[in-house]
C-alpha atoms as a PDB file:
ATOM      1  CA  ALA A   1      -8.560   9.627   6.230  1.00  0.00           C
ATOM      2  CA  VAL A   2     -10.421   6.411   6.221  1.00  0.00           C
ATOM      3  CA  THR A   3     -13.478   5.732   4.111  1.00  0.00           C
ATOM      4  CA  GLY A   4     -16.840   4.326   5.212  1.00  0.00           C
ATOM      5  CA  ASN A   5     -17.269   2.803   1.662  1.00  0.00           C
ATOM      6  CA  LEU A   6     -16.158  -0.763   1.893  1.00  0.00           C
ATOM      7  CA  ASP A   7     -15.959  -1.076  -1.958  1.00  0.00           C
ATOM      8  CA  ALA A   8     -13.701   2.018  -2.054  1.00  0.00           C
ATOM      9  CA  TYR A   9     -11.509   0.631   0.689  1.00  0.00           C
ATOM     10  CA  GLU A  10     -11.042  -2.740  -0.992  1.00  0.00           C
ATOM     11  CA  LEU A  11     -10.092  -1.037  -4.268  1.00  0.00           C
ATOM     12  CA  TYR A  12      -7.649   1.172  -2.362  1.00  0.00           C
ATOM     13  CA  LEU A  13      -5.993  -1.764  -0.758  1.00  0.00           C
ATOM     14  CA  GLU A  14      -5.579  -3.521  -4.091  1.00  0.00           C
ATOM     15  CA  GLY A  15      -4.206  -0.453  -5.773  1.00  0.00           C
ATOM     16  CA  ARG A  16      -1.871   0.413  -2.885  1.00  0.00           C
ATOM     17  CA  GLN A  17      -0.529  -3.204  -2.940  1.00  0.00           C
ATOM     18  CA  LEU A  18       0.263  -3.000  -6.629  1.00  0.00           C
ATOM     19  CA  PHE A  19       2.022   0.367  -6.038  1.00  0.00           C
ATOM     20  CA  MET A  20       4.059  -1.063  -3.175  1.00  0.00           C
ATOM     21  CA  ALA A  21       5.161  -3.912  -5.366  1.00  0.00           C
ATOM     22  CA  ARG A  22       5.809  -1.571  -8.287  1.00  0.00           C
ATOM     23  CA  ASP A  23       3.751  -4.024 -10.263  1.00  0.00           C
ATOM     24  CA  GLN A  24       1.070  -3.177 -12.893  1.00  0.00           C
ATOM     25  CA  LEU A  25       1.197   0.546 -12.212  1.00  0.00           C
ATOM     26  CA  PRO A  26      -1.489   1.359 -14.838  1.00  0.00           C
ATOM     27  CA  ARG A  27      -3.834  -0.994 -13.019  1.00  0.00           C
ATOM     28  CA  SER A  28      -2.936   0.588  -9.675  1.00  0.00           C
ATOM     29  CA  ILE A  29      -3.894   3.966 -11.108  1.00  0.00           C
ATOM     30  CA  GLU A  30      -7.104   2.600 -12.515  1.00  0.00           C
ATOM     31  CA  LEU A  31      -8.060   1.058  -9.092  1.00  0.00           C
ATOM     32  CA  LEU A  32      -7.214   4.200  -7.155  1.00  0.00           C
ATOM     33  CA  GLU A  33      -9.101   6.459  -9.607  1.00  0.00           C
ATOM     34  CA  LYS A  34     -12.204   4.257  -9.085  1.00  0.00           C
ATOM     35  CA  THR A  35     -11.621   4.575  -5.366  1.00  0.00           C
ATOM     36  CA  VAL A  36     -11.681   8.349  -5.386  1.00  0.00           C
ATOM     37  CA  GLU A  37     -14.689   8.264  -7.713  1.00  0.00           C
ATOM     38  CA  LEU A  38     -16.523   6.169  -5.052  1.00  0.00           C
ATOM     39  CA  ASP A  39     -15.292   8.394  -2.232  1.00  0.00           C
ATOM     40  CA  PRO A  40     -13.872  11.727  -3.297  1.00  0.00           C
ATOM     41  CA  GLU A  41     -13.031  12.568   0.395  1.00  0.00           C
ATOM     42  CA  PHE A  42     -10.817   9.549   0.907  1.00  0.00           C
ATOM     43  CA  ALA A  43      -7.569  11.350   1.550  1.00  0.00           C
ATOM     44  CA  ARG A  44      -5.227   8.382   1.651  1.00  0.00           C
ATOM     45  CA  ALA A  45      -6.509   7.165  -1.658  1.00  0.00           C
ATOM     46  CA  TRP A  46      -5.569  10.638  -3.175  1.00  0.00           C
ATOM     47  CA  ASP A  47      -2.279  10.426  -1.390  1.00  0.00           C
ATOM     48  CA  THR A  48      -1.406   7.017  -2.849  1.00  0.00           C
ATOM     49  CA  LEU A  49      -2.733   7.955  -6.265  1.00  0.00           C
ATOM     50  CA  ALA A  50      -0.266  10.939  -6.131  1.00  0.00           C
ATOM     51  CA  ALA A  51       2.639   8.577  -5.349  1.00  0.00           C
ATOM     52  CA  VAL A  52       1.736   6.101  -8.078  1.00  0.00           C
ATOM     53  CA  HIS A  53       1.573   8.908 -10.656  1.00  0.00           C
ATOM     54  CA  SER A  54       4.822  10.213  -9.346  1.00  0.00           C
ATOM     55  CA  VAL A  55       6.746   7.083  -9.963  1.00  0.00           C
ATOM     56  CA  ALA A  56       4.906   6.304 -13.186  1.00  0.00           C
ATOM     57  CA  THR A  57       6.919   9.074 -14.893  1.00  0.00           C
ATOM     58  CA  SER A  58       9.903   6.790 -14.670  1.00  0.00           C
ATOM     59  CA  TRP A  59       8.306   3.369 -14.708  1.00  0.00           C
ATOM     60  CA  ASP A  60       5.894   3.821 -17.516  1.00  0.00           C
ATOM     61  CA  ARG A  61       7.802   6.159 -19.861  1.00  0.00           C
ATOM     62  CA  GLY A  62       6.158   6.952 -23.197  1.00  0.00           C
ATOM     63  CA  ASP A  63       2.630   6.220 -22.297  1.00  0.00           C
ATOM     64  CA  GLY A  64       1.475   9.785 -23.254  1.00  0.00           C
ATOM     65  CA  ILE A  65      -0.006  10.631 -19.921  1.00  0.00           C
ATOM     66  CA  ASP A  66       1.145  13.732 -17.965  1.00  0.00           C
ATOM     67  CA  HIS A  67       1.807  11.837 -14.752  1.00  0.00           C
ATOM     68  CA  ASP A  68       3.616  14.893 -13.246  1.00  0.00           C
ATOM     69  CA  ALA A  69       0.562  17.010 -13.415  1.00  0.00           C
ATOM     70  CA  LEU A  70      -1.720  14.248 -12.194  1.00  0.00           C
ATOM     71  CA  SER A  71       0.558  13.398  -9.276  1.00  0.00           C
ATOM     72  CA  LEU A  72       0.711  17.022  -8.173  1.00  0.00           C
ATOM     73  CA  ALA A  73      -3.086  17.470  -8.520  1.00  0.00           C
ATOM     74  CA  ALA A  74      -3.754  14.319  -6.463  1.00  0.00           C
ATOM     75  CA  ALA A  75      -1.236  15.394  -3.802  1.00  0.00           C
ATOM     76  CA  HIS A  76      -2.763  18.830  -3.433  1.00  0.00           C
ATOM     77  CA  ARG A  77      -6.268  17.188  -3.280  1.00  0.00           C
ATOM     78  CA  ALA A  78      -5.116  14.875  -0.544  1.00  0.00           C
ATOM     79  CA  LEU A  79      -3.644  17.715   1.452  1.00  0.00           C
ATOM     80  CA  GLU A  80      -6.861  19.769   1.104  1.00  0.00           C
ATOM     81  CA  ILE A  81      -8.720  16.906   2.864  1.00  0.00           C
ATOM     82  CA  LYS A  82      -6.089  15.960   5.315  1.00  0.00           C
ATOM     83  CA  PRO A  83      -3.078  18.470   5.693  1.00  0.00           C
ATOM     84  CA  ASP A  84      -0.954  16.227   7.889  1.00  0.00           C
ATOM     85  CA  LEU A  85      -0.375  13.397   5.344  1.00  0.00           C
ATOM     86  CA  SER A  86       3.180  12.455   4.505  1.00  0.00           C
ATOM     87  CA  MET A  87       3.339  10.902   0.993  1.00  0.00           C
ATOM     88  CA  SER A  88       1.700  13.985  -0.748  1.00  0.00           C
ATOM     89  CA  TYR A  89       4.482  16.200   0.680  1.00  0.00           C
ATOM     90  CA  ALA A  90       7.075  13.692  -0.524  1.00  0.00           C
ATOM     91  CA  VAL A  91       5.512  13.799  -4.049  1.00  0.00           C
ATOM     92  CA  ILE A  92       5.517  17.577  -4.095  1.00  0.00           C
ATOM     93  CA  GLY A  93       9.145  17.513  -3.044  1.00  0.00           C
ATOM     94  CA  MET A  94      10.194  15.147  -5.666  1.00  0.00           C
ATOM     95  CA  LYS A  95       8.449  17.115  -8.407  1.00  0.00           C
ATOM     96  CA  HIS A  96      10.519  20.221  -7.579  1.00  0.00           C
ATOM     97  CA  GLN A  97      11.714  20.600 -11.120  1.00  0.00           C
ATOM     98  CA  VAL A  98       8.133  20.611 -12.360  1.00  0.00           C
ATOM     99  CA  THR A  99       6.884  23.073  -9.678  1.00  0.00           C
ATOM    100  CA  GLY A 100       9.940  25.299  -9.916  1.00  0.00           C
ATOM    101  CA  ASP A 101      10.610  24.983  -6.168  1.00  0.00           C
ATOM    102  CA  GLY A 102      14.153  23.765  -6.758  1.00  0.00           C
ATOM    103  CA  TYR A 103      16.174  21.763  -4.324  1.00  0.00           C
ATOM    104  CA  ILE A 104      15.388  24.074  -1.428  1.00  0.00           C
ATOM    105  CA  GLY A 105      11.629  23.497  -1.964  1.00  0.00           C
ATOM    106  CA  ALA A 106      12.289  19.742  -2.374  1.00  0.00           C
ATOM    107  CA  ILE A 107      14.030  19.399   0.870  1.00  0.00           C
ATOM    108  CA  LYS A 108      11.402  21.534   2.669  1.00  0.00           C
ATOM    109  CA  ASN A 109       8.549  19.351   1.441  1.00  0.00           C
ATOM    110  CA  LEU A 110      10.508  16.046   2.064  1.00  0.00           C
ATOM    111  CA  ASP A 111      11.239  17.224   5.589  1.00  0.00           C
ATOM    112  CA  ILE A 112       7.468  17.860   6.172  1.00  0.00           C
ATOM    113  CA  ALA A 113       6.744  14.413   4.835  1.00  0.00           C
ATOM    114  CA  ILE A 114       9.265  12.777   7.184  1.00  0.00           C
ATOM    115  CA  LYS A 115       8.007  14.951  10.166  1.00  0.00           C
ATOM    116  CA  ASN A 116       4.373  13.880   9.378  1.00  0.00           C
ATOM    117  CA  ASN A 117       5.324  10.181   9.204  1.00  0.00           C
ATOM    118  CA  PRO A 118       8.876   9.244  10.346  1.00  0.00           C
ATOM    119  CA  LYS A 119       8.123   5.630   9.157  1.00  0.00           C
ATOM    120  CA  ASN A 120       7.561   6.668   5.539  1.00  0.00           C
ATOM    121  CA  ALA A 121      10.520   4.748   4.076  1.00  0.00           C
ATOM    122  CA  THR A 122       9.854   6.263   0.583  1.00  0.00           C
ATOM    123  CA  ALA A 123      10.178   9.812   1.857  1.00  0.00           C
ATOM    124  CA  TRP A 124      13.579   8.924   3.356  1.00  0.00           C
ATOM    125  CA  LEU A 125      14.577   7.333  -0.033  1.00  0.00           C
ATOM    126  CA  TRP A 126      13.427  10.381  -2.026  1.00  0.00           C
ATOM    127  CA  ARG A 127      15.083  12.831   0.393  1.00  0.00           C
ATOM    128  CA  GLY A 128      18.316  10.734   0.102  1.00  0.00           C
ATOM    129  CA  ILE A 129      18.082  10.854  -3.740  1.00  0.00           C
ATOM    130  CA  THR A 130      17.603  14.557  -3.516  1.00  0.00           C
ATOM    131  CA  PHE A 131      20.660  15.003  -1.228  1.00  0.00           C
ATOM    132  CA  LYS A 132      22.681  12.802  -3.588  1.00  0.00           C
ATOM    133  CA  ASP A 133      21.594  14.943  -6.586  1.00  0.00           C
ATOM    134  CA  MET A 134      22.709  17.969  -4.635  1.00  0.00           C
ATOM    135  CA  GLY A 135      26.069  16.450  -3.960  1.00  0.00           C
ATOM    136  CA  TYR A 136      25.555  15.765  -0.249  1.00  0.00           C
ATOM    137  CA  ILE A 137      26.529  12.095  -0.324  1.00  0.00           C
ATOM    138  CA  ARG A 138      27.093  11.614   3.407  1.00  0.00           C
ATOM    139  CA  GLN A 139      23.585  12.898   4.215  1.00  0.00           C
ATOM    140  CA  SER A 140      22.093  10.813   1.407  1.00  0.00           C
ATOM    141  CA  VAL A 141      23.725   7.626   2.847  1.00  0.00           C
ATOM    142  CA  LYS A 142      22.208   8.441   6.290  1.00  0.00           C
ATOM    143  CA  ASP A 143      18.758   8.724   4.679  1.00  0.00           C
ATOM    144  CA  PHE A 144      19.156   5.506   2.714  1.00  0.00           C
ATOM    145  CA  ARG A 145      20.209   3.775   5.965  1.00  0.00           C
ATOM    146  CA  GLN A 146      17.147   5.186   7.699  1.00  0.00           C
ATOM    147  CA  CYS A 147      15.012   3.907   4.876  1.00  0.00           C
ATOM    148  CA  LEU A 148      16.429   0.459   5.314  1.00  0.00           C
ATOM    149  CA  ASP A 149      15.982   0.614   9.103  1.00  0.00           C
ATOM    150  CA  ILE A 150      12.251   1.169   8.487  1.00  0.00           C
ATOM    151  CA  ASP A 151      11.977  -1.348   5.634  1.00  0.00           C
ATOM    152  CA  PRO A 152      14.969  -3.776   5.387  1.00  0.00           C
ATOM    153  CA  GLY A 153      13.638  -5.236   2.109  1.00  0.00           C
ATOM    154  CA  TYR A 154      13.315  -1.917   0.254  1.00  0.00           C
ATOM    155  CA  GLN A 155      15.510  -2.732  -2.754  1.00  0.00           C
ATOM    156  CA  LEU A 156      15.808   0.793  -4.119  1.00  0.00           C
ATOM    157  CA  CYS A 157      17.072   2.011  -0.742  1.00  0.00           C
ATOM    158  CA  SER A 158      19.664  -0.764  -0.760  1.00  0.00           C
ATOM    159  CA  GLN A 159      20.822   0.047  -4.312  1.00  0.00           C
ATOM    160  CA  TYR A 160      21.128   3.778  -3.603  1.00  0.00           C
ATOM    161  CA  LEU A 161      23.000   3.057  -0.357  1.00  0.00           C
ATOM    162  CA  ALA A 162      25.499   0.877  -2.256  1.00  0.00           C
ATOM    163  CA  LEU A 163      26.082   3.673  -4.787  1.00  0.00           C
ATOM    164  CA  GLY A 164      26.487   6.225  -2.048  1.00  0.00           C
ATOM    165  CA  LEU A 165      29.052   4.054  -0.222  1.00  0.00           C
ATOM    166  CA  LEU A 166      30.912   3.364  -3.460  1.00  0.00           C
ATOM    167  CA  SER A 167      31.044   7.119  -4.285  1.00  0.00           C
ATOM    168  CA  MET A 168      32.501   7.710  -0.813  1.00  0.00           C
ATOM    169  CA  GLY A 169      35.214   5.292  -1.504  1.00  0.00           C
ATOM    170  CA  GLN A 170      33.837   2.621   0.791  1.00  0.00           C
ATOM    171  CA  ILE A 171      34.185  -0.119  -1.875  1.00  0.00           C
ATOM    172  CA  GLU A 172      33.840  -3.216   0.356  1.00  0.00           C
ATOM    173  CA  ALA A 173      30.777  -1.806   2.189  1.00  0.00           C
ATOM    174  CA  GLY A 174      29.251  -0.724  -1.144  1.00  0.00           C
ATOM    175  CA  ILE A 175      29.713  -4.074  -2.741  1.00  0.00           C
ATOM    176  CA  THR A 176      28.360  -6.102   0.228  1.00  0.00           C
ATOM    177  CA  GLN A 177      25.351  -3.745   0.566  1.00  0.00           C
END
């Protein structure tokens, strides 16, 4: 999963950091694409590239790029190289409307993502969002709390937790979240 190419690794770290900060996603994609050009077998770079393309559909709307297709292609490439990755399964789960897998396929893939890496806060967030979309608010709140246990500063988890608590009628808890 790690590369022996130091240049590729440095580009990967920079691209991953931009993704984690949700800052300059086009630049993150550019860096990660250069990374996999330098080392096409660098599974974690493909895994991260899949995640960046996955969120780019909502963060960089209207750029004319088919981020859904690119995220799925990168996720499948990552899993060809290293089948026990986490984020690629999470990406496939979140693209359930594109793949036609529906909510059942989404939860199945997100469960695999969490099983492969129980510390993947984004997988917990995305599974929580999926449960919310399905109407399972209590389960979504549990997942958002787990996300925050892993990464207390994860703003999206906090926001979704607040919305979940508010929708359950826990107004004070939702507001203070």
